[in-house]
Amino acid sequence: MLRIANLALLILFPVAWFAPLLRAGLLPLFGLSEISVVSGLQSLWQTDVFLALIVTAFALFAPYLKTIGLAMVHFGLMRRKVLPVLSWLGKLAMADIFLIALYIVVIKGIGVGRVETGWGLYLFTSCILASIAISILTARHIARDRTPTDAAPSLP
């Protein structure tokens, strides 16, 4: 079951990257522009390359590399010792969601523009949380398989 859930993330992450994270506009009278991870990164590459590299690493590469790594562990193509590193990658992706939420709160607090969250933010957040849960459950499953629970106790 963990394998299937993890493989589903390989499809859901790209959907979440192109889904609208938020809709933003300068004044309530004008229409709102939809912003996705990809469209946000495109704008960021034009203004601040260093920040664009960081966000690309957090939003795209970290969660996808973690998902691929977990799949390799599930299918026995990678050692189980990499699970702590994979878990760390998932936490990096969670930092990206925190930044998006922080931007929404700041923009709403200023009151200059209008911001609405989109369904893509919920999808992206769900994918990250599912990835973290899958890595935790995988680690527990591996630890349970290692402990000899059915061994008979030795007598002195």
Protein backbone atom coordinates (compact mmCIF):
# COMPACT_ATOMS: atom_id res chain seq x y z
CA MET A 1 0.00 0.00 0.00
CA LEU A 2 2.89 2.37 0.78
CA ARG A 3 4.34 1.69 -2.66
CA ILE A 4 1.11 2.65 -4.42
CA ALA A 5 0.65 5.80 -2.34
CA ASN A 6 4.23 6.85 -2.99
CA LEU A 7 3.96 6.18 -6.73
CA ALA A 8 0.75 8.24 -6.82
CA LEU A 9 2.79 11.19 -5.55
CA LEU A 10 4.94 10.98 -8.68
CA ILE A 11 1.81 12.01 -10.59
CA LEU A 12 0.26 14.34 -8.00
CA PHE A 13 3.34 16.51 -7.43
CA PRO A 14 3.49 17.79 -11.04
CA VAL A 15 -0.27 18.43 -10.95
CA ALA A 16 0.21 20.45 -7.75
CA TRP A 17 3.04 22.47 -9.32
CA PHE A 18 0.77 23.71 -12.11
CA ALA A 19 -2.40 24.07 -9.99
CA PRO A 20 -3.34 27.55 -8.73
CA LEU A 21 -1.80 28.12 -5.28
CA LEU A 22 -3.43 31.48 -4.90
CA ARG A 23 -5.25 34.20 -6.76
CA ALA A 24 -3.94 37.71 -6.26
CA GLY A 25 -4.90 41.16 -7.44
CA LEU A 26 -4.01 44.73 -6.64
CA LEU A 27 -7.49 46.11 -6.13
CA PRO A 28 -10.83 44.37 -5.58
CA LEU A 29 -12.24 45.86 -8.81
CA PHE A 30 -9.72 44.15 -11.07
CA GLY A 31 -9.57 40.46 -11.82
CA LEU A 32 -7.36 38.14 -9.84
CA SER A 33 -4.31 36.47 -11.39
CA GLU A 34 -3.77 32.81 -10.62
CA ILE A 35 -0.32 31.96 -9.34
CA SER A 36 1.05 28.43 -9.35
CA VAL A 37 4.41 27.08 -8.24
CA VAL A 38 5.61 27.09 -11.83
CA SER A 39 4.30 30.56 -12.73
CA GLY A 40 5.71 31.93 -9.48
CA LEU A 41 9.08 30.41 -10.28
CA GLN A 42 9.00 31.87 -13.79
CA SER A 43 8.49 35.35 -12.36
CA LEU A 44 11.11 34.78 -9.69
CA TRP A 45 13.75 33.71 -12.22
CA GLN A 46 13.37 37.10 -13.89
CA THR A 47 13.81 39.12 -10.70
CA ASP A 48 15.96 37.15 -8.22
CA VAL A 49 17.93 34.17 -9.48
CA PHE A 50 19.33 33.18 -6.07
CA LEU A 51 15.90 33.05 -4.45
CA ALA A 52 14.56 31.22 -7.51
CA LEU A 53 17.23 28.53 -7.04
CA ILE A 54 16.27 28.08 -3.40
CA VAL A 55 12.54 27.90 -4.09
CA THR A 56 13.13 25.51 -7.01
CA ALA A 57 15.14 23.24 -4.74
CA PHE A 58 12.48 23.34 -2.00
CA ALA A 59 9.34 23.19 -4.12
CA LEU A 60 10.36 20.94 -7.01
CA PHE A 61 13.53 18.97 -6.45
CA ALA A 62 13.32 18.11 -2.72
CA PRO A 63 9.85 16.51 -2.74
CA TYR A 64 10.32 14.75 -6.06
CA LEU A 65 13.78 13.37 -5.20
CA LYS A 66 12.37 12.17 -1.89
CA THR A 67 9.49 10.41 -3.64
CA ILE A 68 11.83 8.75 -6.14
CA GLY A 69 14.18 7.74 -3.31
CA LEU A 70 11.33 6.21 -1.31
CA ALA A 71 10.20 4.29 -4.39
CA MET A 72 13.71 2.94 -4.80
CA VAL A 73 13.75 1.84 -1.15
CA HIS A 74 10.30 0.23 -1.54
CA PHE A 75 11.47 -1.77 -4.56
CA GLY A 76 14.82 -2.72 -3.01
CA LEU A 77 16.92 -0.59 -5.37
CA MET A 78 18.35 1.62 -2.62
CA ARG A 79 19.58 0.88 0.88
CA ARG A 80 17.30 1.56 3.80
CA LYS A 81 20.00 3.66 5.43
CA VAL A 82 19.02 6.63 3.26
CA LEU A 83 15.60 7.00 4.96
CA PRO A 84 16.80 9.75 7.37
CA VAL A 85 18.11 11.79 4.42
CA LEU A 86 14.85 11.27 2.52
CA SER A 87 12.87 12.36 5.57
CA TRP A 88 14.97 15.52 5.74
CA LEU A 89 14.17 16.30 2.08
CA GLY A 90 10.45 16.20 2.88
CA LYS A 91 10.91 18.72 5.66
CA LEU A 92 12.65 21.09 3.26
CA ALA A 93 9.58 21.02 1.04
CA MET A 94 7.41 21.86 4.03
CA ALA A 95 9.41 25.09 4.42
CA ASP A 96 8.18 26.17 1.00
CA ILE A 97 4.55 25.81 2.10
CA PHE A 98 5.31 27.87 5.19
CA LEU A 99 6.71 30.68 3.03
CA ILE A 100 3.64 30.69 0.80
CA ALA A 101 1.34 30.86 3.83
CA LEU A 102 3.46 33.66 5.29
CA TYR A 103 3.19 35.68 2.07
CA ILE A 104 -0.59 35.27 2.06
CA VAL A 105 -0.85 36.49 5.67
CA VAL A 106 1.42 39.48 5.03
CA ILE A 107 -0.42 40.55 1.88
CA LYS A 108 -3.81 40.22 3.58
CA GLY A 109 -2.50 42.13 6.60
CA ILE A 110 -1.32 45.08 4.52
CA GLY A 111 -4.72 45.41 2.91
CA VAL A 112 -3.43 46.79 -0.40
CA GLY A 113 -4.34 43.85 -2.55
CA ARG A 114 -6.60 40.88 -2.48
CA VAL A 115 -5.40 37.30 -2.07
CA GLU A 116 -7.39 34.07 -2.11
CA THR A 117 -5.96 30.62 -1.63
CA GLY A 118 -6.39 28.19 -4.49
CA TRP A 119 -6.99 24.46 -4.51
CA GLY A 120 -3.40 23.88 -5.60
CA LEU A 121 -2.10 25.06 -2.22
CA TYR A 122 -4.17 22.37 -0.51
CA LEU A 123 -3.07 19.75 -3.03
CA PHE A 124 0.61 20.69 -2.69
CA THR A 125 0.35 20.70 1.11
CA SER A 126 -1.42 17.33 1.07
CA CYS A 127 1.26 15.84 -1.18
CA ILE A 128 4.04 17.04 1.15
CA LEU A 129 2.25 15.76 4.26
CA ALA A 130 1.50 12.43 2.55
CA SER A 131 5.15 12.12 1.58
CA ILE A 132 6.23 12.75 5.18
CA ALA A 133 3.70 10.19 6.45
CA ILE A 134 4.82 7.60 3.89
CA SER A 135 8.45 8.00 4.93
CA ILE A 136 7.54 7.64 8.62
CA LEU A 137 5.43 4.54 7.94
CA THR A 138 8.17 3.08 5.73
CA ALA A 139 10.74 3.54 8.50
CA ARG A 140 8.39 1.87 11.02
CA HIS A 141 7.70 -0.99 8.64
CA ILE A 142 11.40 -1.58 8.09
CA ALA A 143 12.14 -1.40 11.83
CA ARG A 144 9.33 -3.88 12.54
CA ASP A 145 10.68 -6.30 9.94
CA ARG A 146 14.14 -6.21 11.53
CA THR A 147 13.05 -7.10 15.07
CA PRO A 148 12.62 -10.83 15.65
CA THR A 149 9.20 -10.86 17.32
CA ASP A 150 8.44 -14.51 16.70
CA ALA A 151 11.68 -15.88 18.17
CA ALA A 152 11.26 -18.17 21.15
CA PRO A 153 12.78 -16.92 24.39
CA SER A 154 15.98 -18.69 25.33
CA LEU A 155 16.10 -20.58 28.59
CA PRO A 156 19.11 -20.22 30.92
